[in-house]
Amino acid sequence: MRILLIEDDAEAAAFAAKRLREAGHVVDHALDGDSGLNMATAGEYDAYVIDRMLPKLDGLSVLSRRREAGDETPALFLSALGEVDDRVSGLQAGGDDYLVKPYAVQELLARVEALGRRRAAAPTSVTTRYQVGDLELDLLTRTVRRGGRKIDLQPREFRLLEYLMRHADQVVTRTMLLENVWEYHFDPQTNVIDVHISRLRSKIDKDFDKPLLKTVRGAGYTISEAD
Protein backbone atom coordinates (compact mmCIF):
# COMPACT_ATOMS: atom_id res chain seq x y z
CA MET A 1 0.00 0.00 0.00
CA ARG A 2 1.03 3.59 -0.57
CA ILE A 3 0.33 5.50 2.64
CA LEU A 4 0.38 9.23 3.38
CA LEU A 5 1.27 9.91 7.02
CA ILE A 6 0.52 13.45 8.21
CA GLU A 7 2.06 13.84 11.66
CA ASP A 8 3.92 16.78 13.16
CA ASP A 9 5.69 14.71 15.84
CA ALA A 10 8.83 13.81 13.88
CA GLU A 11 9.94 11.09 16.30
CA ALA A 12 6.55 9.37 16.39
CA ALA A 13 6.24 9.66 12.62
CA ALA A 14 9.68 8.14 12.05
CA PHE A 15 8.84 5.18 14.28
CA ALA A 16 5.44 4.58 12.65
CA ALA A 17 6.81 5.00 9.12
CA LYS A 18 9.66 2.58 9.83
CA ARG A 19 7.22 -0.11 11.02
CA LEU A 20 4.90 0.41 8.05
CA ARG A 21 7.82 0.22 5.61
CA GLU A 22 9.11 -2.94 7.27
CA ALA A 23 5.68 -4.44 6.58
CA GLY A 24 6.16 -3.69 2.88
CA HIS A 25 4.28 -0.42 2.53
CA VAL A 26 5.42 2.79 0.84
CA VAL A 27 5.12 5.77 3.18
CA ASP A 28 5.20 9.49 2.40
CA HIS A 29 5.32 11.86 5.36
CA ALA A 30 4.14 15.43 5.83
CA LEU A 31 4.88 17.48 8.95
CA ASP A 32 1.94 19.90 8.75
CA GLY A 33 -1.59 20.14 7.43
CA ASP A 34 -0.83 22.38 4.46
CA SER A 35 1.90 20.08 3.14
CA GLY A 36 -0.25 17.03 3.82
CA LEU A 37 -3.19 18.49 1.90
CA ASN A 38 -0.94 19.36 -1.05
CA MET A 39 0.56 15.88 -1.11
CA ALA A 40 -2.85 14.21 -0.86
CA THR A 41 -4.12 16.40 -3.69
CA ALA A 42 -1.14 15.73 -5.96
CA GLY A 43 -0.53 12.07 -5.16
CA GLU A 44 -2.41 8.79 -5.28
CA TYR A 45 -2.59 6.89 -1.99
CA ASP A 46 -4.26 3.77 -0.65
CA ALA A 47 -4.68 5.19 2.86
CA TYR A 48 -4.22 8.34 4.89
CA VAL A 49 -3.01 8.38 8.50
CA ILE A 50 -3.71 11.86 9.86
CA ASP A 51 -2.98 13.44 13.23
CA ARG A 52 -5.88 15.65 14.31
CA MET A 53 -3.78 18.41 15.86
CA LEU A 54 -1.50 19.73 13.13
CA PRO A 55 0.21 23.08 12.52
CA LYS A 56 -1.02 25.33 9.68
CA LEU A 57 -4.16 23.24 9.00
CA ASP A 58 -5.77 20.78 11.40
CA GLY A 59 -6.32 17.16 10.45
CA LEU A 60 -10.12 17.38 10.33
CA SER A 61 -9.91 20.22 7.81
CA VAL A 62 -7.36 18.34 5.69
CA LEU A 63 -9.64 15.35 5.29
CA SER A 64 -12.83 17.41 4.97
CA ARG A 65 -11.33 19.24 1.99
CA ARG A 66 -10.28 16.00 0.34
CA ARG A 67 -13.77 14.54 0.84
CA GLU A 68 -15.32 17.68 -0.65
CA ALA A 69 -13.08 17.14 -3.69
CA GLY A 70 -14.45 13.60 -4.09
CA ASP A 71 -11.44 11.80 -2.60
CA GLU A 72 -12.59 8.49 -1.08
CA THR A 73 -9.17 7.29 0.12
CA PRO A 74 -9.62 5.49 3.49
CA ALA A 75 -8.40 7.58 6.41
CA LEU A 76 -7.36 6.83 9.96
CA PHE A 77 -7.19 9.67 12.50
CA LEU A 78 -4.59 9.72 15.26
CA SER A 79 -5.34 11.86 18.29
CA ALA A 80 -4.81 12.34 22.00
CA LEU A 81 -8.47 13.42 22.07
CA GLY A 82 -10.33 10.23 22.87
CA GLU A 83 -13.77 11.25 24.10
CA VAL A 84 -16.85 10.03 22.26
CA ASP A 85 -17.51 13.49 20.80
CA ASP A 86 -13.94 13.64 19.50
CA ARG A 87 -14.29 10.30 17.76
CA VAL A 88 -17.64 11.30 16.29
CA SER A 89 -16.22 14.55 14.90
CA GLY A 90 -13.43 12.58 13.26
CA LEU A 91 -15.89 10.23 11.59
CA GLN A 92 -18.12 13.13 10.55
CA ALA A 93 -15.12 14.76 8.87
CA GLY A 94 -14.82 11.67 6.67
CA GLY A 95 -12.57 9.44 8.74
CA ASP A 96 -12.93 5.67 8.53
CA ASP A 97 -11.18 4.85 11.81
CA TYR A 98 -9.86 6.61 14.90
CA LEU A 99 -6.89 5.60 17.04
CA VAL A 100 -6.22 7.29 20.37
CA LYS A 101 -2.68 8.22 21.44
CA PRO A 102 -0.60 6.70 22.88
CA TYR A 103 -1.06 3.66 20.68
CA ALA A 104 0.84 0.47 19.89
CA VAL A 105 2.44 0.68 16.45
CA GLN A 106 1.34 -2.92 15.84
CA GLU A 107 -2.27 -1.80 16.26
CA LEU A 108 -1.70 1.10 13.87
CA LEU A 109 -0.34 -1.34 11.29
CA ALA A 110 -3.31 -3.69 11.75
CA ARG A 111 -5.84 -0.89 11.38
CA VAL A 112 -4.18 0.59 8.30
CA GLU A 113 -4.05 -2.82 6.64
CA ALA A 114 -7.71 -3.35 7.49
CA LEU A 115 -8.51 -0.12 5.66
CA GLY A 116 -6.52 -1.41 2.70
CA ARG A 117 -8.48 -4.66 2.63
CA ARG A 118 -11.73 -2.72 2.60
CA ARG A 119 -10.60 -0.68 -0.35
CA ALA A 120 -9.34 -3.77 -2.18
CA ALA A 121 -12.94 -4.91 -2.47
CA ALA A 122 -13.41 -2.18 -5.10
CA PRO A 123 -11.25 -1.95 -8.25
CA THR A 124 -8.69 0.87 -8.19
CA SER A 125 -6.27 2.24 -10.71
CA VAL A 126 -2.60 2.48 -9.86
CA THR A 127 -0.39 4.99 -11.58
CA THR A 128 2.80 3.40 -12.91
CA ARG A 129 3.74 6.10 -15.40
CA TYR A 130 4.30 9.82 -14.90
CA GLN A 131 4.79 12.52 -17.51
CA VAL A 132 5.71 16.18 -17.36
CA GLY A 133 6.00 17.73 -20.80
CA ASP A 134 8.13 15.39 -22.88
CA LEU A 135 9.71 13.80 -19.78
CA GLU A 136 8.37 10.31 -19.02
CA LEU A 137 9.05 8.00 -16.08
CA ASP A 138 7.86 4.38 -16.08
CA LEU A 139 7.83 2.60 -12.72
CA LEU A 140 7.32 -0.85 -14.21
CA THR A 141 10.32 -0.76 -16.53
CA ARG A 142 12.27 1.67 -14.30
CA THR A 143 13.04 3.80 -17.33
CA VAL A 144 13.15 7.54 -17.94
CA ARG A 145 12.90 9.18 -21.35
CA ARG A 146 12.78 12.74 -22.54
CA GLY A 147 11.79 13.51 -26.09
CA GLY A 148 12.06 9.79 -26.75
CA ARG A 149 15.68 9.71 -25.62
CA LYS A 150 16.49 7.27 -22.81
CA ILE A 151 18.10 8.83 -19.73
CA ASP A 152 20.15 6.66 -17.40
CA LEU A 153 19.73 7.45 -13.71
CA GLN A 154 21.27 6.06 -10.55
CA PRO A 155 18.75 4.47 -8.10
CA ARG A 156 18.66 7.51 -5.82
CA GLU A 157 18.29 9.86 -8.78
CA PHE A 158 15.39 7.76 -10.06
CA ARG A 159 13.71 7.87 -6.66
CA LEU A 160 14.22 11.62 -6.46
CA LEU A 161 12.75 12.15 -9.90
CA GLU A 162 9.82 9.85 -9.12
CA TYR A 163 9.01 11.86 -6.01
CA LEU A 164 9.23 15.16 -7.86
CA MET A 165 7.06 13.90 -10.72
CA ARG A 166 4.46 12.50 -8.34
CA HIS A 167 4.24 16.05 -7.02
CA ALA A 168 4.52 17.83 -10.36
CA ASP A 169 3.67 21.56 -10.33
CA GLN A 170 3.98 21.51 -6.54
CA VAL A 171 6.80 23.01 -4.49
CA VAL A 172 8.67 20.18 -2.75
CA THR A 173 10.66 21.30 0.27
CA ARG A 174 14.06 20.05 1.34
CA THR A 175 12.45 18.50 4.42
CA MET A 176 10.03 16.54 2.24
CA LEU A 177 12.93 15.24 0.15
CA LEU A 178 15.02 14.30 3.17
CA GLU A 179 12.15 12.38 4.73
CA ASN A 180 10.67 10.71 1.66
CA VAL A 181 13.68 10.13 -0.62
CA TRP A 182 16.49 9.70 1.91
CA GLU A 183 14.30 8.67 4.88
CA TYR A 184 16.11 11.11 7.14
CA HIS A 185 14.01 12.63 9.90
CA PHE A 186 16.63 15.21 10.72
CA ASP A 187 18.75 17.61 8.72
CA PRO A 188 22.18 15.98 8.19
CA GLN A 189 23.65 19.43 7.47
CA THR A 190 25.16 18.28 4.19
CA ASN A 191 24.68 19.31 0.59
CA VAL A 192 23.39 15.86 -0.42
CA ILE A 193 20.17 17.30 -1.87
CA ASP A 194 21.97 20.01 -3.84
CA VAL A 195 24.38 17.46 -5.31
CA HIS A 196 21.62 15.09 -6.44
CA ILE A 197 19.43 17.90 -7.78
CA SER A 198 22.40 19.18 -9.79
CA ARG A 199 23.13 15.72 -11.19
CA LEU A 200 19.49 15.12 -12.01
CA ARG A 201 19.13 18.51 -13.69
CA SER A 202 22.21 17.84 -15.83
CA LYS A 203 20.62 14.62 -17.07
CA ILE A 204 17.01 15.60 -17.66
CA ASP A 205 17.44 19.26 -18.73
CA LYS A 206 20.84 19.39 -20.43
CA ASP A 207 20.64 19.77 -24.21
CA PHE A 208 16.89 20.48 -24.04
CA ASP A 209 15.42 23.89 -24.81
CA LYS A 210 12.95 23.95 -21.91
CA PRO A 211 14.16 23.28 -18.36
CA LEU A 212 11.67 21.33 -16.23
CA LEU A 213 13.44 21.06 -12.88
CA LYS A 214 13.36 24.42 -11.13
CA THR A 215 14.64 25.80 -7.85
CA VAL A 216 12.10 27.86 -5.93
CA ARG A 217 14.30 30.21 -3.95
CA GLY A 218 13.78 29.90 -0.22
CA ALA A 219 11.17 27.16 -0.61
CA GLY A 220 12.46 24.07 -2.42
CA TYR A 221 12.13 22.56 -5.87
CA THR A 222 9.46 21.87 -8.43
CA ILE A 223 9.23 19.99 -11.68
CA SER A 224 6.87 21.67 -14.09
CA GLU A 225 6.35 22.50 -17.73
CA ALA A 226 5.14 25.97 -16.78
CA ASP A 227 7.51 28.89 -17.09
C-alpha atoms as a PDB file:
ATOM      1  CA  MET A   1       0.000   0.000   0.000  1.00  0.00           C
ATOM      2  CA  ARG A   2       1.026   3.594  -0.565  1.00  0.00           C
ATOM      3  CA  ILE A   3       0.326   5.502   2.637  1.00  0.00           C
ATOM      4  CA  LEU A   4       0.383   9.229   3.383  1.00  0.00           C
ATOM      5  CA  LEU A   5       1.273   9.908   7.023  1.00  0.00           C
ATOM      6  CA  ILE A   6       0.516  13.452   8.210  1.00  0.00           C
ATOM      7  CA  GLU A   7       2.057  13.837  11.656  1.00  0.00           C
ATOM      8  CA  ASP A   8       3.923  16.783  13.165  1.00  0.00           C
ATOM      9  CA  ASP A   9       5.691  14.707  15.838  1.00  0.00           C
ATOM     10  CA  ALA A  10       8.835  13.810  13.881  1.00  0.00           C
ATOM     11  CA  GLU A  11       9.942  11.093  16.299  1.00  0.00           C
ATOM     12  CA  ALA A  12       6.553   9.369  16.395  1.00  0.00           C
ATOM     13  CA  ALA A  13       6.236   9.658  12.623  1.00  0.00           C
ATOM     14  CA  ALA A  14       9.676   8.142  12.045  1.00  0.00           C
ATOM     15  CA  PHE A  15       8.844   5.182  14.276  1.00  0.00           C
ATOM     16  CA  ALA A  16       5.445   4.583  12.650  1.00  0.00           C
ATOM     17  CA  ALA A  17       6.808   5.003   9.121  1.00  0.00           C
ATOM     18  CA  LYS A  18       9.657   2.576   9.829  1.00  0.00           C
ATOM     19  CA  ARG A  19       7.223  -0.112  11.016  1.00  0.00           C
ATOM     20  CA  LEU A  20       4.903   0.414   8.052  1.00  0.00           C
ATOM     21  CA  ARG A  21       7.817   0.221   5.608  1.00  0.00           C
ATOM     22  CA  GLU A  22       9.106  -2.936   7.272  1.00  0.00           C
ATOM     23  CA  ALA A  23       5.677  -4.441   6.579  1.00  0.00           C
ATOM     24  CA  GLY A  24       6.165  -3.691   2.884  1.00  0.00           C
ATOM     25  CA  HIS A  25       4.277  -0.425   2.529  1.00  0.00           C
ATOM     26  CA  VAL A  26       5.424   2.787   0.842  1.00  0.00           C
ATOM     27  CA  VAL A  27       5.118   5.774   3.179  1.00  0.00           C
ATOM     28  CA  ASP A  28       5.197   9.485   2.405  1.00  0.00           C
ATOM     29  CA  HIS A  29       5.315  11.858   5.362  1.00  0.00           C
ATOM     30  CA  ALA A  30       4.145  15.433   5.828  1.00  0.00           C
ATOM     31  CA  LEU A  31       4.879  17.479   8.954  1.00  0.00           C
ATOM     32  CA  ASP A  32       1.942  19.899   8.746  1.00  0.00           C
ATOM     33  CA  GLY A  33      -1.588  20.136   7.435  1.00  0.00           C
ATOM     34  CA  ASP A  34      -0.832  22.384   4.459  1.00  0.00           C
ATOM     35  CA  SER A  35       1.895  20.081   3.140  1.00  0.00           C
ATOM     36  CA  GLY A  36      -0.254  17.034   3.819  1.00  0.00           C
ATOM     37  CA  LEU A  37      -3.186  18.486   1.899  1.00  0.00           C
ATOM     38  CA  ASN A  38      -0.938  19.365  -1.047  1.00  0.00           C
ATOM     39  CA  MET A  39       0.565  15.880  -1.107  1.00  0.00           C
ATOM     40  CA  ALA A  40      -2.850  14.214  -0.855  1.00  0.00           C
ATOM     41  CA  THR A  41      -4.122  16.400  -3.693  1.00  0.00           C
ATOM     42  CA  ALA A  42      -1.140  15.732  -5.959  1.00  0.00           C
ATOM     43  CA  GLY A  43      -0.529  12.074  -5.156  1.00  0.00           C
ATOM     44  CA  GLU A  44      -2.412   8.786  -5.275  1.00  0.00           C
ATOM     45  CA  TYR A  45      -2.588   6.892  -1.994  1.00  0.00           C
ATOM     46  CA  ASP A  46      -4.256   3.773  -0.651  1.00  0.00           C
ATOM     47  CA  ALA A  47      -4.675   5.186   2.857  1.00  0.00           C
ATOM     48  CA  TYR A  48      -4.215   8.344   4.890  1.00  0.00           C
ATOM     49  CA  VAL A  49      -3.014   8.384   8.502  1.00  0.00           C
ATOM     50  CA  ILE A  50      -3.715  11.860   9.863  1.00  0.00           C
ATOM     51  CA  ASP A  51      -2.979  13.437  13.225  1.00  0.00           C
ATOM     52  CA  ARG A  52      -5.880  15.651  14.313  1.00  0.00           C
ATOM     53  CA  MET A  53      -3.778  18.407  15.860  1.00  0.00           C
ATOM     54  CA  LEU A  54      -1.501  19.733  13.134  1.00  0.00           C
ATOM     55  CA  PRO A  55       0.210  23.085  12.515  1.00  0.00           C
ATOM     56  CA  LYS A  56      -1.019  25.327   9.683  1.00  0.00           C
ATOM     57  CA  LEU A  57      -4.159  23.241   8.996  1.00  0.00           C
ATOM     58  CA  ASP A  58      -5.773  20.776  11.398  1.00  0.00           C
ATOM     59  CA  GLY A  59      -6.325  17.162  10.449  1.00  0.00           C
ATOM     60  CA  LEU A  60     -10.119  17.378  10.329  1.00  0.00           C
ATOM     61  CA  SER A  61      -9.908  20.224   7.814  1.00  0.00           C
ATOM     62  CA  VAL A  62      -7.355  18.339   5.694  1.00  0.00           C
ATOM     63  CA  LEU A  63      -9.637  15.347   5.292  1.00  0.00           C
ATOM     64  CA  SER A  64     -12.831  17.407   4.968  1.00  0.00           C
ATOM     65  CA  ARG A  65     -11.335  19.242   1.994  1.00  0.00           C
ATOM     66  CA  ARG A  66     -10.284  15.997   0.343  1.00  0.00           C
ATOM     67  CA  ARG A  67     -13.765  14.537   0.841  1.00  0.00           C
ATOM     68  CA  GLU A  68     -15.316  17.679  -0.651  1.00  0.00           C
ATOM     69  CA  ALA A  69     -13.081  17.137  -3.687  1.00  0.00           C
ATOM     70  CA  GLY A  70     -14.446  13.602  -4.090  1.00  0.00           C
ATOM     71  CA  ASP A  71     -11.441  11.797  -2.602  1.00  0.00           C
ATOM     72  CA  GLU A  72     -12.594   8.495  -1.081  1.00  0.00           C
ATOM     73  CA  THR A  73      -9.172   7.288   0.124  1.00  0.00           C
ATOM     74  CA  PRO A  74      -9.621   5.487   3.487  1.00  0.00           C
ATOM     75  CA  ALA A  75      -8.401   7.584   6.406  1.00  0.00           C
ATOM     76  CA  LEU A  76      -7.356   6.835   9.964  1.00  0.00           C
ATOM     77  CA  PHE A  77      -7.188   9.666  12.495  1.00  0.00           C
ATOM     78  CA  LEU A  78      -4.588   9.722  15.262  1.00  0.00           C
ATOM     79  CA  SER A  79      -5.340  11.855  18.295  1.00  0.00           C
ATOM     80  CA  ALA A  80      -4.815  12.340  21.998  1.00  0.00           C
ATOM     81  CA  LEU A  81      -8.474  13.425  22.070  1.00  0.00           C
ATOM     82  CA  GLY A  82     -10.328  10.227  22.874  1.00  0.00           C
ATOM     83  CA  GLU A  83     -13.767  11.249  24.098  1.00  0.00           C
ATOM     84  CA  VAL A  84     -16.855  10.027  22.258  1.00  0.00           C
ATOM     85  CA  ASP A  85     -17.515  13.486  20.796  1.00  0.00           C
ATOM     86  CA  ASP A  86     -13.943  13.637  19.500  1.00  0.00           C
ATOM     87  CA  ARG A  87     -14.292  10.301  17.756  1.00  0.00           C
ATOM     88  CA  VAL A  88     -17.640  11.298  16.292  1.00  0.00           C
ATOM     89  CA  SER A  89     -16.225  14.554  14.901  1.00  0.00           C
ATOM     90  CA  GLY A  90     -13.433  12.577  13.256  1.00  0.00           C
ATOM     91  CA  LEU A  91     -15.893  10.235  11.591  1.00  0.00           C
ATOM     92  CA  GLN A  92     -18.123  13.126  10.550  1.00  0.00           C
ATOM     93  CA  ALA A  93     -15.119  14.757   8.868  1.00  0.00           C
ATOM     94  CA  GLY A  94     -14.821  11.666   6.666  1.00  0.00           C
ATOM     95  CA  GLY A  95     -12.567   9.442   8.744  1.00  0.00           C
ATOM     96  CA  ASP A  96     -12.930   5.666   8.533  1.00  0.00           C
ATOM     97  CA  ASP A  97     -11.184   4.850  11.808  1.00  0.00           C
ATOM     98  CA  TYR A  98      -9.855   6.612  14.899  1.00  0.00           C
ATOM     99  CA  LEU A  99      -6.886   5.599  17.043  1.00  0.00           C
ATOM    100  CA  VAL A 100      -6.218   7.292  20.371  1.00  0.00           C
ATOM    101  CA  LYS A 101      -2.682   8.220  21.438  1.00  0.00           C
ATOM    102  CA  PRO A 102      -0.601   6.699  22.882  1.00  0.00           C
ATOM    103  CA  TYR A 103      -1.059   3.657  20.681  1.00  0.00           C
ATOM    104  CA  ALA A 104       0.839   0.473  19.887  1.00  0.00           C
ATOM    105  CA  VAL A 105       2.441   0.678  16.447  1.00  0.00           C
ATOM    106  CA  GLN A 106       1.341  -2.918  15.838  1.00  0.00           C
ATOM    107  CA  GLU A 107      -2.269  -1.801  16.255  1.00  0.00           C
ATOM    108  CA  LEU A 108      -1.700   1.100  13.868  1.00  0.00           C
ATOM    109  CA  LEU A 109      -0.345  -1.337  11.287  1.00  0.00           C
ATOM    110  CA  ALA A 110      -3.306  -3.691  11.747  1.00  0.00           C
ATOM    111  CA  ARG A 111      -5.835  -0.888  11.385  1.00  0.00           C
ATOM    112  CA  VAL A 112      -4.179   0.588   8.298  1.00  0.00           C
ATOM    113  CA  GLU A 113      -4.046  -2.817   6.638  1.00  0.00           C
ATOM    114  CA  ALA A 114      -7.708  -3.351   7.494  1.00  0.00           C
ATOM    115  CA  LEU A 115      -8.511  -0.120   5.658  1.00  0.00           C
ATOM    116  CA  GLY A 116      -6.520  -1.405   2.704  1.00  0.00           C
ATOM    117  CA  ARG A 117      -8.482  -4.659   2.633  1.00  0.00           C
ATOM    118  CA  ARG A 118     -11.729  -2.723   2.596  1.00  0.00           C
ATOM    119  CA  ARG A 119     -10.596  -0.678  -0.351  1.00  0.00           C
ATOM    120  CA  ALA A 120      -9.343  -3.766  -2.175  1.00  0.00           C
ATOM    121  CA  ALA A 121     -12.942  -4.911  -2.472  1.00  0.00           C
ATOM    122  CA  ALA A 122     -13.411  -2.178  -5.101  1.00  0.00           C
ATOM    123  CA  PRO A 123     -11.245  -1.948  -8.245  1.00  0.00           C
ATOM    124  CA  THR A 124      -8.690   0.866  -8.193  1.00  0.00           C
ATOM    125  CA  SER A 125      -6.275   2.242 -10.705  1.00  0.00           C
ATOM    126  CA  VAL A 126      -2.599   2.476  -9.859  1.00  0.00           C
ATOM    127  CA  THR A 127      -0.390   4.989 -11.583  1.00  0.00           C
ATOM    128  CA  THR A 128       2.797   3.402 -12.911  1.00  0.00           C
ATOM    129  CA  ARG A 129       3.741   6.105 -15.397  1.00  0.00           C
ATOM    130  CA  TYR A 130       4.295   9.821 -14.897  1.00  0.00           C
ATOM    131  CA  GLN A 131       4.787  12.516 -17.511  1.00  0.00           C
ATOM    132  CA  VAL A 132       5.714  16.184 -17.355  1.00  0.00           C
ATOM    133  CA  GLY A 133       6.000  17.734 -20.797  1.00  0.00           C
ATOM    134  CA  ASP A 134       8.132  15.391 -22.885  1.00  0.00           C
ATOM    135  CA  LEU A 135       9.712  13.802 -19.784  1.00  0.00           C
ATOM    136  CA  GLU A 136       8.366  10.314 -19.017  1.00  0.00           C
ATOM    137  CA  LEU A 137       9.049   8.002 -16.076  1.00  0.00           C
ATOM    138  CA  ASP A 138       7.860   4.380 -16.083  1.00  0.00           C
ATOM    139  CA  LEU A 139       7.834   2.603 -12.722  1.00  0.00           C
ATOM    140  CA  LEU A 140       7.318  -0.848 -14.205  1.00  0.00           C
ATOM    141  CA  THR A 141      10.320  -0.763 -16.529  1.00  0.00           C
ATOM    142  CA  ARG A 142      12.272   1.666 -14.300  1.00  0.00           C
ATOM    143  CA  THR A 143      13.043   3.799 -17.326  1.00  0.00           C
ATOM    144  CA  VAL A 144      13.146   7.544 -17.936  1.00  0.00           C
ATOM    145  CA  ARG A 145      12.898   9.176 -21.345  1.00  0.00           C
ATOM    146  CA  ARG A 146      12.784  12.743 -22.543  1.00  0.00           C
ATOM    147  CA  GLY A 147      11.791  13.513 -26.088  1.00  0.00           C
ATOM    148  CA  GLY A 148      12.062   9.786 -26.754  1.00  0.00           C
ATOM    149  CA  ARG A 149      15.684   9.712 -25.619  1.00  0.00           C
ATOM    150  CA  LYS A 150      16.495   7.274 -22.813  1.00  0.00           C
ATOM    151  CA  ILE A 151      18.099   8.825 -19.727  1.00  0.00           C
ATOM    152  CA  ASP A 152      20.147   6.664 -17.396  1.00  0.00           C
ATOM    153  CA  LEU A 153      19.729   7.455 -13.711  1.00  0.00           C
ATOM    154  CA  GLN A 154      21.265   6.058 -10.549  1.00  0.00           C
ATOM    155  CA  PRO A 155      18.750   4.475  -8.103  1.00  0.00           C
ATOM    156  CA  ARG A 156      18.659   7.513  -5.818  1.00  0.00           C
ATOM    157  CA  GLU A 157      18.287   9.859  -8.778  1.00  0.00           C
ATOM    158  CA  PHE A 158      15.388   7.762 -10.058  1.00  0.00           C
ATOM    159  CA  ARG A 159      13.708   7.867  -6.655  1.00  0.00           C
ATOM    160  CA  LEU A 160      14.224  11.619  -6.455  1.00  0.00           C
ATOM    161  CA  LEU A 161      12.747  12.154  -9.898  1.00  0.00           C
ATOM    162  CA  GLU A 162       9.823   9.855  -9.125  1.00  0.00           C
ATOM    163  CA  TYR A 163       9.009  11.858  -6.008  1.00  0.00           C
ATOM    164  CA  LEU A 164       9.233  15.163  -7.863  1.00  0.00           C
ATOM    165  CA  MET A 165       7.055  13.903 -10.720  1.00  0.00           C
ATOM    166  CA  ARG A 166       4.457  12.504  -8.339  1.00  0.00           C
ATOM    167  CA  HIS A 167       4.240  16.054  -7.018  1.00  0.00           C
ATOM    168  CA  ALA A 168       4.520  17.831 -10.356  1.00  0.00           C
ATOM    169  CA  ASP A 169       3.671  21.558 -10.326  1.00  0.00           C
ATOM    170  CA  GLN A 170       3.975  21.515  -6.544  1.00  0.00           C
ATOM    171  CA  VAL A 171       6.799  23.006  -4.491  1.00  0.00           C
ATOM    172  CA  VAL A 172       8.669  20.180  -2.754  1.00  0.00           C
ATOM    173  CA  THR A 173      10.658  21.297   0.266  1.00  0.00           C
ATOM    174  CA  ARG A 174      14.063  20.047   1.336  1.00  0.00           C
ATOM    175  CA  THR A 175      12.451  18.498   4.417  1.00  0.00           C
ATOM    176  CA  MET A 176      10.030  16.536   2.239  1.00  0.00           C
ATOM    177  CA  LEU A 177      12.926  15.243   0.148  1.00  0.00           C
ATOM    178  CA  LEU A 178      15.024  14.304   3.172  1.00  0.00           C
ATOM    179  CA  GLU A 179      12.146  12.381   4.726  1.00  0.00           C
ATOM    180  CA  ASN A 180      10.673  10.708   1.656  1.00  0.00           C
ATOM    181  CA  VAL A 181      13.681  10.133  -0.619  1.00  0.00           C
ATOM    182  CA  TRP A 182      16.492   9.696   1.907  1.00  0.00           C
ATOM    183  CA  GLU A 183      14.305   8.665   4.881  1.00  0.00           C
ATOM    184  CA  TYR A 184      16.113  11.106   7.140  1.00  0.00           C
ATOM    185  CA  HIS A 185      14.006  12.633   9.903  1.00  0.00           C
ATOM    186  CA  PHE A 186      16.633  15.212  10.721  1.00  0.00           C
ATOM    187  CA  ASP A 187      18.753  17.614   8.718  1.00  0.00           C
ATOM    188  CA  PRO A 188      22.177  15.980   8.189  1.00  0.00           C
ATOM    189  CA  GLN A 189      23.651  19.434   7.468  1.00  0.00           C
ATOM    190  CA  THR A 190      25.162  18.284   4.195  1.00  0.00           C
ATOM    191  CA  ASN A 191      24.685  19.312   0.586  1.00  0.00           C
ATOM    192  CA  VAL A 192      23.391  15.861  -0.415  1.00  0.00           C
ATOM    193  CA  ILE A 193      20.171  17.300  -1.871  1.00  0.00           C
ATOM    194  CA  ASP A 194      21.966  20.007  -3.843  1.00  0.00           C
ATOM    195  CA  VAL A 195      24.378  17.460  -5.306  1.00  0.00           C
ATOM    196  CA  HIS A 196      21.625  15.092  -6.435  1.00  0.00           C
ATOM    197  CA  ILE A 197      19.432  17.899  -7.778  1.00  0.00           C
ATOM    198  CA  SER A 198      22.396  19.182  -9.787  1.00  0.00           C
ATOM    199  CA  ARG A 199      23.127  15.720 -11.192  1.00  0.00           C
ATOM    200  CA  LEU A 200      19.486  15.120 -12.012  1.00  0.00           C
ATOM    201  CA  ARG A 201      19.133  18.506 -13.690  1.00  0.00           C
ATOM    202  CA  SER A 202      22.214  17.844 -15.826  1.00  0.00           C
ATOM    203  CA  LYS A 203      20.625  14.621 -17.070  1.00  0.00           C
ATOM    204  CA  ILE A 204      17.007  15.598 -17.665  1.00  0.00           C
ATOM    205  CA  ASP A 205      17.439  19.259 -18.732  1.00  0.00           C
ATOM    206  CA  LYS A 206      20.841  19.391 -20.426  1.00  0.00           C
ATOM    207  CA  ASP A 207      20.637  19.773 -24.213  1.00  0.00           C
ATOM    208  CA  PHE A 208      16.889  20.483 -24.044  1.00  0.00           C
ATOM    209  CA  ASP A 209      15.417  23.894 -24.807  1.00  0.00           C
ATOM    210  CA  LYS A 210      12.947  23.954 -21.913  1.00  0.00           C
ATOM    211  CA  PRO A 211      14.156  23.282 -18.359  1.00  0.00           C
ATOM    212  CA  LEU A 212      11.669  21.325 -16.232  1.00  0.00           C
ATOM    213  CA  LEU A 213      13.438  21.057 -12.877  1.00  0.00           C
ATOM    214  CA  LYS A 214      13.364  24.419 -11.133  1.00  0.00           C
ATOM    215  CA  THR A 215      14.642  25.795  -7.854  1.00  0.00           C
ATOM    216  CA  VAL A 216      12.101  27.860  -5.932  1.00  0.00           C
ATOM    217  CA  ARG A 217      14.299  30.212  -3.947  1.00  0.00           C
ATOM    218  CA  GLY A 218      13.779  29.899  -0.218  1.00  0.00           C
ATOM    219  CA  ALA A 219      11.168  27.163  -0.615  1.00  0.00           C
ATOM    220  CA  GLY A 220      12.456  24.075  -2.422  1.00  0.00           C
ATOM    221  CA  TYR A 221      12.125  22.563  -5.867  1.00  0.00           C
ATOM    222  CA  THR A 222       9.458  21.870  -8.433  1.00  0.00           C
ATOM    223  CA  ILE A 223       9.230  19.995 -11.681  1.00  0.00           C
ATOM    224  CA  SER A 224       6.875  21.668 -14.085  1.00  0.00           C
ATOM    225  CA  GLU A 225       6.353  22.504 -17.733  1.00  0.00           C
ATOM    226  CA  ALA A 226       5.137  25.967 -16.783  1.00  0.00           C
ATOM    227  CA  ASP A 227       7.514  28.893 -17.087  1.00  0.00           C
END
